[in-house]
Amino acid sequence: MGLHTRPATNIVRILQHAKCSVQFTYKKTTINAKSILSILTLAVPKNGKLIVVIDGDGAEDILPKLMRVLESPLEDISVL
């Protein structure tokens, strides 16, 4: 099973006003991380290797917020 709905929602909320582009790549599939449907269909399993590419204005502010969501156990994630 891939990323659950709650962390995917938190990721999209973090990125909704970001000016930078954010892409996730798993295996050979790359998606726009601002799309919840794309995140959910990427189907990254627990401990799967996800490549995150952040480019543009505000990238340095977005990275720690994304890492917090991606590295947190499901039960520790709250709405940001």
PDB file of N, CA and C in Angstrom:
ATOM      1  N   MET A   1       0.845  -1.172   0.000  1.00  0.00           N
ATOM      2  CA  MET A   1       0.000   0.000   0.000  1.00  0.00           C
ATOM      3  C   MET A   1       0.893   1.238   0.000  1.00  0.00           C
ATOM      4  N   GLY A   2       0.487   2.287  -0.671  1.00  0.00           N
ATOM      5  CA  GLY A   2       1.271   3.508  -0.785  1.00  0.00           C
ATOM      6  C   GLY A   2       1.048   4.471   0.373  1.00  0.00           C
ATOM      7  N   LEU A   3       1.458   5.699   0.171  1.00  0.00           N
ATOM      8  CA  LEU A   3       1.251   6.736   1.179  1.00  0.00           C
ATOM      9  C   LEU A   3      -0.228   6.813   1.513  1.00  0.00           C
ATOM     10  N   HIS A   4      -0.528   6.945   2.774  1.00  0.00           N
ATOM     11  CA  HIS A   4      -1.921   7.045   3.202  1.00  0.00           C
ATOM     12  C   HIS A   4      -2.486   8.417   2.875  1.00  0.00           C
ATOM     13  N   THR A   5      -3.790   8.542   2.953  1.00  0.00           N
ATOM     14  CA  THR A   5      -4.467   9.779   2.603  1.00  0.00           C
ATOM     15  C   THR A   5      -4.059  10.943   3.502  1.00  0.00           C
ATOM     16  N   ARG A   6      -3.932  10.719   4.794  1.00  0.00           N
ATOM     17  CA  ARG A   6      -3.607  11.820   5.706  1.00  0.00           C
ATOM     18  C   ARG A   6      -2.240  12.442   5.407  1.00  0.00           C
ATOM     19  N   PRO A   7      -1.154  11.657   5.294  1.00  0.00           N
ATOM     20  CA  PRO A   7       0.119  12.301   4.948  1.00  0.00           C
ATOM     21  C   PRO A   7       0.105  12.917   3.551  1.00  0.00           C
ATOM     22  N   ALA A   8      -0.593  12.292   2.606  1.00  0.00           N
ATOM     23  CA  ALA A   8      -0.686  12.866   1.260  1.00  0.00           C
ATOM     24  C   ALA A   8      -1.404  14.208   1.306  1.00  0.00           C
ATOM     25  N   THR A   9      -2.458  14.298   2.108  1.00  0.00           N
ATOM     26  CA  THR A   9      -3.181  15.560   2.282  1.00  0.00           C
ATOM     27  C   THR A   9      -2.280  16.616   2.903  1.00  0.00           C
ATOM     28  N   ASN A  10      -1.494  16.230   3.902  1.00  0.00           N
ATOM     29  CA  ASN A  10      -0.583  17.177   4.535  1.00  0.00           C
ATOM     30  C   ASN A  10       0.477  17.674   3.551  1.00  0.00           C
ATOM     31  N   ILE A  11       0.957  16.799   2.706  1.00  0.00           N
ATOM     32  CA  ILE A  11       1.939  17.199   1.693  1.00  0.00           C
ATOM     33  C   ILE A  11       1.334  18.232   0.757  1.00  0.00           C
ATOM     34  N   VAL A  12       0.137  17.967   0.272  1.00  0.00           N
ATOM     35  CA  VAL A  12      -0.526  18.897  -0.642  1.00  0.00           C
ATOM     36  C   VAL A  12      -0.807  20.231   0.047  1.00  0.00           C
ATOM     37  N   ARG A  13      -1.183  20.202   1.311  1.00  0.00           N
ATOM     38  CA  ARG A  13      -1.411  21.453   2.048  1.00  0.00           C
ATOM     39  C   ARG A  13      -0.129  22.266   2.179  1.00  0.00           C
ATOM     40  N   ILE A  14       0.968  21.608   2.434  1.00  0.00           N
ATOM     41  CA  ILE A  14       2.255  22.296   2.527  1.00  0.00           C
ATOM     42  C   ILE A  14       2.595  22.951   1.185  1.00  0.00           C
ATOM     43  N   LEU A  15       2.298  22.262   0.104  1.00  0.00           N
ATOM     44  CA  LEU A  15       2.721  22.711  -1.218  1.00  0.00           C
ATOM     45  C   LEU A  15       1.732  23.613  -1.937  1.00  0.00           C
ATOM     46  N   GLN A  16       0.520  23.744  -1.437  1.00  0.00           N
ATOM     47  CA  GLN A  16      -0.520  24.442  -2.190  1.00  0.00           C
ATOM     48  C   GLN A  16      -0.179  25.899  -2.522  1.00  0.00           C
ATOM     49  N   HIS A  17       0.569  26.570  -1.667  1.00  0.00           N
ATOM     50  CA  HIS A  17       0.924  27.964  -1.937  1.00  0.00           C
ATOM     51  C   HIS A  17       2.405  28.128  -2.281  1.00  0.00           C
ATOM     52  N   ALA A  18       3.098  27.031  -2.415  1.00  0.00           N
ATOM     53  CA  ALA A  18       4.524  27.083  -2.733  1.00  0.00           C
ATOM     54  C   ALA A  18       4.724  27.523  -4.181  1.00  0.00           C
ATOM     55  N   LYS A  19       5.703  28.383  -4.370  1.00  0.00           N
ATOM     56  CA  LYS A  19       6.017  28.848  -5.716  1.00  0.00           C
ATOM     57  C   LYS A  19       6.952  27.880  -6.439  1.00  0.00           C
ATOM     58  N   CYS A  20       7.639  27.064  -5.672  1.00  0.00           N
ATOM     59  CA  CYS A  20       8.578  26.115  -6.263  1.00  0.00           C
ATOM     60  C   CYS A  20       7.837  24.899  -6.817  1.00  0.00           C
ATOM     61  N   SER A  21       8.507  24.191  -7.704  1.00  0.00           N
ATOM     62  CA  SER A  21       7.938  22.935  -8.196  1.00  0.00           C
ATOM     63  C   SER A  21       8.500  21.799  -7.346  1.00  0.00           C
ATOM     64  N   VAL A  22       7.664  20.805  -7.109  1.00  0.00           N
ATOM     65  CA  VAL A  22       8.074  19.652  -6.308  1.00  0.00           C
ATOM     66  C   VAL A  22       7.639  18.399  -7.041  1.00  0.00           C
ATOM     67  N   GLN A  23       8.600  17.506  -7.254  1.00  0.00           N
ATOM     68  CA  GLN A  23       8.313  16.245  -7.922  1.00  0.00           C
ATOM     69  C   GLN A  23       8.768  15.090  -7.051  1.00  0.00           C
ATOM     70  N   PHE A  24       7.980  14.031  -7.054  1.00  0.00           N
ATOM     71  CA  PHE A  24       8.345  12.787  -6.386  1.00  0.00           C
ATOM     72  C   PHE A  24       8.580  11.752  -7.476  1.00  0.00           C
ATOM     73  N   THR A  25       9.634  10.969  -7.305  1.00  0.00           N
ATOM     74  CA  THR A  25       9.890   9.863  -8.228  1.00  0.00           C
ATOM     75  C   THR A  25      10.013   8.585  -7.424  1.00  0.00           C
ATOM     76  N   TYR A  26       9.262   7.586  -7.840  1.00  0.00           N
ATOM     77  CA  TYR A  26       9.359   6.248  -7.253  1.00  0.00           C
ATOM     78  C   TYR A  26       9.477   5.273  -8.409  1.00  0.00           C
ATOM     79  N   LYS A  27      10.516   4.452  -8.324  1.00  0.00           N
ATOM     80  CA  LYS A  27      10.888   3.576  -9.440  1.00  0.00           C
ATOM     81  C   LYS A  27      11.128   4.472 -10.643  1.00  0.00           C
ATOM     82  N   LYS A  28      10.390   4.325 -11.708  1.00  0.00           N
ATOM     83  CA  LYS A  28      10.622   5.162 -12.894  1.00  0.00           C
ATOM     84  C   LYS A  28       9.474   6.125 -13.156  1.00  0.00           C
ATOM     85  N   THR A  29       8.620   6.323 -12.166  1.00  0.00           N
ATOM     86  CA  THR A  29       7.471   7.203 -12.325  1.00  0.00           C
ATOM     87  C   THR A  29       7.692   8.504 -11.556  1.00  0.00           C
ATOM     88  N   THR A  30       7.536   9.620 -12.235  1.00  0.00           N
ATOM     89  CA  THR A  30       7.685  10.941 -11.627  1.00  0.00           C
ATOM     90  C   THR A  30       6.336  11.651 -11.661  1.00  0.00           C
ATOM     91  N   ILE A  31       5.981  12.263 -10.523  1.00  0.00           N
ATOM     92  CA  ILE A  31       4.690  12.947 -10.430  1.00  0.00           C
ATOM     93  C   ILE A  31       4.872  14.350  -9.854  1.00  0.00           C
ATOM     94  N   ASN A  32       3.875  15.188 -10.077  1.00  0.00           N
ATOM     95  CA  ASN A  32       3.787  16.509  -9.465  1.00  0.00           C
ATOM     96  C   ASN A  32       3.268  16.300  -8.045  1.00  0.00           C
ATOM     97  N   ALA A  33       4.069  16.659  -7.048  1.00  0.00           N
ATOM     98  CA  ALA A  33       3.707  16.397  -5.658  1.00  0.00           C
ATOM     99  C   ALA A  33       2.624  17.338  -5.128  1.00  0.00           C
ATOM    100  N   LYS A  34       2.163  18.266  -5.935  1.00  0.00           N
ATOM    101  CA  LYS A  34       1.077  19.150  -5.522  1.00  0.00           C
ATOM    102  C   LYS A  34      -0.290  18.524  -5.792  1.00  0.00           C
ATOM    103  N   SER A  35      -0.290  17.338  -6.367  1.00  0.00           N
ATOM    104  CA  SER A  35      -1.529  16.638  -6.702  1.00  0.00           C
ATOM    105  C   SER A  35      -1.727  15.433  -5.781  1.00  0.00           C
ATOM    106  N   ILE A  36      -2.780  15.460  -4.969  1.00  0.00           N
ATOM    107  CA  ILE A  36      -3.032  14.354  -4.037  1.00  0.00           C
ATOM    108  C   ILE A  36      -3.286  13.053  -4.794  1.00  0.00           C
ATOM    109  N   LEU A  37      -4.004  13.136  -5.897  1.00  0.00           N
ATOM    110  CA  LEU A  37      -4.286  11.924  -6.666  1.00  0.00           C
ATOM    111  C   LEU A  37      -2.998  11.307  -7.201  1.00  0.00           C
ATOM    112  N   SER A  38      -2.098  12.160  -7.674  1.00  0.00           N
ATOM    113  CA  SER A  38      -0.808  11.653  -8.169  1.00  0.00           C
ATOM    114  C   SER A  38       0.003  11.001  -7.058  1.00  0.00           C
ATOM    115  N   ILE A  39       0.008  11.623  -5.873  1.00  0.00           N
ATOM    116  CA  ILE A  39       0.744  11.051  -4.739  1.00  0.00           C
ATOM    117  C   ILE A  39       0.186   9.687  -4.375  1.00  0.00           C
ATOM    118  N   LEU A  40      -1.132   9.591  -4.280  1.00  0.00           N
ATOM    119  CA  LEU A  40      -1.760   8.328  -3.889  1.00  0.00           C
ATOM    120  C   LEU A  40      -1.537   7.234  -4.928  1.00  0.00           C
ATOM    121  N   THR A  41      -1.584   7.585  -6.198  1.00  0.00           N
ATOM    122  CA  THR A  41      -1.415   6.563  -7.240  1.00  0.00           C
ATOM    123  C   THR A  41       0.047   6.166  -7.442  1.00  0.00           C
ATOM    124  N   LEU A  42       0.973   6.953  -6.911  1.00  0.00           N
ATOM    125  CA  LEU A  42       2.387   6.586  -6.998  1.00  0.00           C
ATOM    126  C   LEU A  42       2.668   5.305  -6.214  1.00  0.00           C
ATOM    127  N   ALA A  43       1.888   5.075  -5.172  1.00  0.00           N
ATOM    128  CA  ALA A  43       1.927   3.818  -4.409  1.00  0.00           C
ATOM    129  C   ALA A  43       3.311   3.479  -3.855  1.00  0.00           C
ATOM    130  N   VAL A  44       3.904   4.436  -3.151  1.00  0.00           N
ATOM    131  CA  VAL A  44       5.206   4.201  -2.515  1.00  0.00           C
ATOM    132  C   VAL A  44       4.972   3.402  -1.232  1.00  0.00           C
ATOM    133  N   PRO A  45       5.552   2.215  -1.111  1.00  0.00           N
ATOM    134  CA  PRO A  45       5.348   1.414   0.098  1.00  0.00           C
ATOM    135  C   PRO A  45       6.178   1.959   1.269  1.00  0.00           C
ATOM    136  N   LYS A  46       5.830   1.522   2.461  1.00  0.00           N
ATOM    137  CA  LYS A  46       6.603   1.889   3.649  1.00  0.00           C
ATOM    138  C   LYS A  46       8.064   1.504   3.403  1.00  0.00           C
ATOM    139  N   ASN A  47       8.961   2.413   3.722  1.00  0.00           N
ATOM    140  CA  ASN A  47      10.404   2.255   3.519  1.00  0.00           C
ATOM    141  C   ASN A  47      10.820   2.212   2.046  1.00  0.00           C
ATOM    142  N   GLY A  48       9.904   2.603   1.142  1.00  0.00           N
ATOM    143  CA  GLY A  48      10.259   2.688  -0.270  1.00  0.00           C
ATOM    144  C   GLY A  48      11.167   3.883  -0.511  1.00  0.00           C
ATOM    145  N   LYS A  49      12.008   3.814  -1.516  1.00  0.00           N
ATOM    146  CA  LYS A  49      12.940   4.895  -1.829  1.00  0.00           C
ATOM    147  C   LYS A  49      12.229   5.912  -2.725  1.00  0.00           C
ATOM    148  N   LEU A  50      11.959   7.079  -2.144  1.00  0.00           N
ATOM    149  CA  LEU A  50      11.281   8.157  -2.849  1.00  0.00           C
ATOM    150  C   LEU A  50      12.299   9.250  -3.132  1.00  0.00           C
ATOM    151  N   ILE A  51      12.402   9.656  -4.376  1.00  0.00           N
ATOM    152  CA  ILE A  51      13.285  10.764  -4.754  1.00  0.00           C
ATOM    153  C   ILE A  51      12.437  12.028  -4.790  1.00  0.00           C
ATOM    154  N   VAL A  52      12.887  13.060  -4.063  1.00  0.00           N
ATOM    155  CA  VAL A  52      12.173  14.328  -3.986  1.00  0.00           C
ATOM    156  C   VAL A  52      13.038  15.392  -4.665  1.00  0.00           C
ATOM    157  N   VAL A  53      12.442  16.092  -5.636  1.00  0.00           N
ATOM    158  CA  VAL A  53      13.138  17.180  -6.323  1.00  0.00           C
ATOM    159  C   VAL A  53      12.326  18.453  -6.108  1.00  0.00           C
ATOM    160  N   ILE A  54      12.973  19.449  -5.497  1.00  0.00           N
ATOM    161  CA  ILE A  54      12.336  20.736  -5.233  1.00  0.00           C
ATOM    162  C   ILE A  54      13.146  21.793  -5.958  1.00  0.00           C
ATOM    163  N   ASP A  55      12.470  22.600  -6.775  1.00  0.00           N
ATOM    164  CA  ASP A  55      13.177  23.584  -7.580  1.00  0.00           C
ATOM    165  C   ASP A  55      12.401  24.893  -7.600  1.00  0.00           C
ATOM    166  N   GLY A  56      13.101  25.991  -7.322  1.00  0.00           N
ATOM    167  CA  GLY A  56      12.481  27.308  -7.432  1.00  0.00           C
ATOM    168  C   GLY A  56      12.452  28.056  -6.117  1.00  0.00           C
ATOM    169  N   ASP A  57      11.733  29.184  -6.128  1.00  0.00           N
ATOM    170  CA  ASP A  57      11.634  30.051  -4.959  1.00  0.00           C
ATOM    171  C   ASP A  57      11.018  29.329  -3.771  1.00  0.00           C
ATOM    172  N   GLY A  58      11.671  29.424  -2.627  1.00  0.00           N
ATOM    173  CA  GLY A  58      11.147  28.849  -1.398  1.00  0.00           C
ATOM    174  C   GLY A  58      11.490  27.394  -1.176  1.00  0.00           C
ATOM    175  N   ALA A  59      12.313  26.818  -2.041  1.00  0.00           N
ATOM    176  CA  ALA A  59      12.657  25.398  -1.906  1.00  0.00           C
ATOM    177  C   ALA A  59      13.266  25.088  -0.547  1.00  0.00           C
ATOM    178  N   GLU A  60      14.108  25.981  -0.051  1.00  0.00           N
ATOM    179  CA  GLU A  60      14.774  25.738   1.236  1.00  0.00           C
ATOM    180  C   GLU A  60      13.794  25.741   2.402  1.00  0.00           C
ATOM    181  N   ASP A  61      12.644  26.399   2.250  1.00  0.00           N
ATOM    182  CA  ASP A  61      11.621  26.406   3.303  1.00  0.00           C
ATOM    183  C   ASP A  61      10.727  25.170   3.239  1.00  0.00           C
ATOM    184  N   ILE A  62      10.521  24.656   2.049  1.00  0.00           N
ATOM    185  CA  ILE A  62       9.626  23.517   1.844  1.00  0.00           C
ATOM    186  C   ILE A  62      10.261  22.204   2.282  1.00  0.00           C
ATOM    187  N   LEU A  63      11.535  22.020   2.026  1.00  0.00           N
ATOM    188  CA  LEU A  63      12.194  20.738   2.301  1.00  0.00           C
ATOM    189  C   LEU A  63      12.011  20.256   3.737  1.00  0.00           C
ATOM    190  N   PRO A  64      12.284  21.052   4.779  1.00  0.00           N
ATOM    191  CA  PRO A  64      12.115  20.526   6.139  1.00  0.00           C
ATOM    192  C   PRO A  64      10.660  20.175   6.477  1.00  0.00           C
ATOM    193  N   LYS A  65       9.736  20.906   5.919  1.00  0.00           N
ATOM    194  CA  LYS A  65       8.314  20.605   6.166  1.00  0.00           C
ATOM    195  C   LYS A  65       7.928  19.270   5.527  1.00  0.00           C
ATOM    196  N   LEU A  66       8.391  19.048   4.293  1.00  0.00           N
ATOM    197  CA  LEU A  66       8.108  17.774   3.621  1.00  0.00           C
ATOM    198  C   LEU A  66       8.763  16.611   4.358  1.00  0.00           C
ATOM    199  N   MET A  67       9.999  16.795   4.770  1.00  0.00           N
ATOM    200  CA  MET A  67      10.714  15.722   5.461  1.00  0.00           C
ATOM    201  C   MET A  67       9.996  15.338   6.752  1.00  0.00           C
ATOM    202  N   ARG A  68       9.443  16.322   7.451  1.00  0.00           N
ATOM    203  CA  ARG A  68       8.712  16.045   8.687  1.00  0.00           C
ATOM    204  C   ARG A  68       7.527  15.103   8.418  1.00  0.00           C
ATOM    205  N   VAL A  69       6.803  15.371   7.359  1.00  0.00           N
ATOM    206  CA  VAL A  69       5.650  14.522   7.016  1.00  0.00           C
ATOM    207  C   VAL A  69       6.117  13.149   6.533  1.00  0.00           C
ATOM    208  N   LEU A  70       7.113  13.129   5.654  1.00  0.00           N
ATOM    209  CA  LEU A  70       7.552  11.865   5.068  1.00  0.00           C
ATOM    210  C   LEU A  70       8.249  10.944   6.071  1.00  0.00           C
ATOM    211  N   GLU A  71       8.902  11.516   7.078  1.00  0.00           N
ATOM    212  CA  GLU A  71       9.635  10.698   8.045  1.00  0.00           C
ATOM    213  C   GLU A  71       8.825  10.338   9.282  1.00  0.00           C
ATOM    214  N   SER A  72       7.639  10.913   9.437  1.00  0.00           N
ATOM    215  CA  SER A  72       6.836  10.665  10.627  1.00  0.00           C
ATOM    216  C   SER A  72       6.025   9.380  10.491  1.00  0.00           C
ATOM    217  N   PRO A  73       5.953   8.604  11.589  1.00  0.00           N
ATOM    218  CA  PRO A  73       5.029   7.471  11.579  1.00  0.00           C
ATOM    219  C   PRO A  73       3.606   7.988  11.404  1.00  0.00           C
ATOM    220  N   LEU A  74       2.754   7.211  10.793  1.00  0.00           N
ATOM    221  CA  LEU A  74       1.383   7.640  10.493  1.00  0.00           C
ATOM    222  C   LEU A  74       0.654   8.201  11.703  1.00  0.00           C
ATOM    223  N   GLU A  75       0.819   7.573  12.855  1.00  0.00           N
ATOM    224  CA  GLU A  75       0.089   8.017  14.038  1.00  0.00           C
ATOM    225  C   GLU A  75       0.603   9.344  14.598  1.00  0.00           C
ATOM    226  N   ASP A  76       1.803   9.777  14.187  1.00  0.00           N
ATOM    227  CA  ASP A  76       2.378  11.035  14.687  1.00  0.00           C
ATOM    228  C   ASP A  76       2.081  12.222  13.800  1.00  0.00           C
ATOM    229  N   ILE A  77       1.444  12.014  12.669  1.00  0.00           N
ATOM    230  CA  ILE A  77       1.236  13.100  11.716  1.00  0.00           C
ATOM    231  C   ILE A  77      -0.028  13.864  12.074  1.00  0.00           C
ATOM    232  N   SER A  78       0.121  15.175  12.169  1.00  0.00           N
ATOM    233  CA  SER A  78      -1.041  16.033  12.401  1.00  0.00           C
ATOM    234  C   SER A  78      -1.104  17.047  11.280  1.00  0.00           C
ATOM    235  N   VAL A  79      -2.247  17.664  11.143  1.00  0.00           N
ATOM    236  CA  VAL A  79      -2.430  18.670  10.099  1.00  0.00           C
ATOM    237  C   VAL A  79      -1.516  19.840  10.401  1.00  0.00           C
ATOM    238  N   LEU A  80      -0.768  20.265   9.401  1.00  0.00           N
ATOM    239  CA  LEU A  80       0.214  21.340   9.573  1.00  0.00           C
ATOM    240  C   LEU A  80      -0.429  22.697   9.385  1.00  0.00           C
TER     241      LEU A  80
END
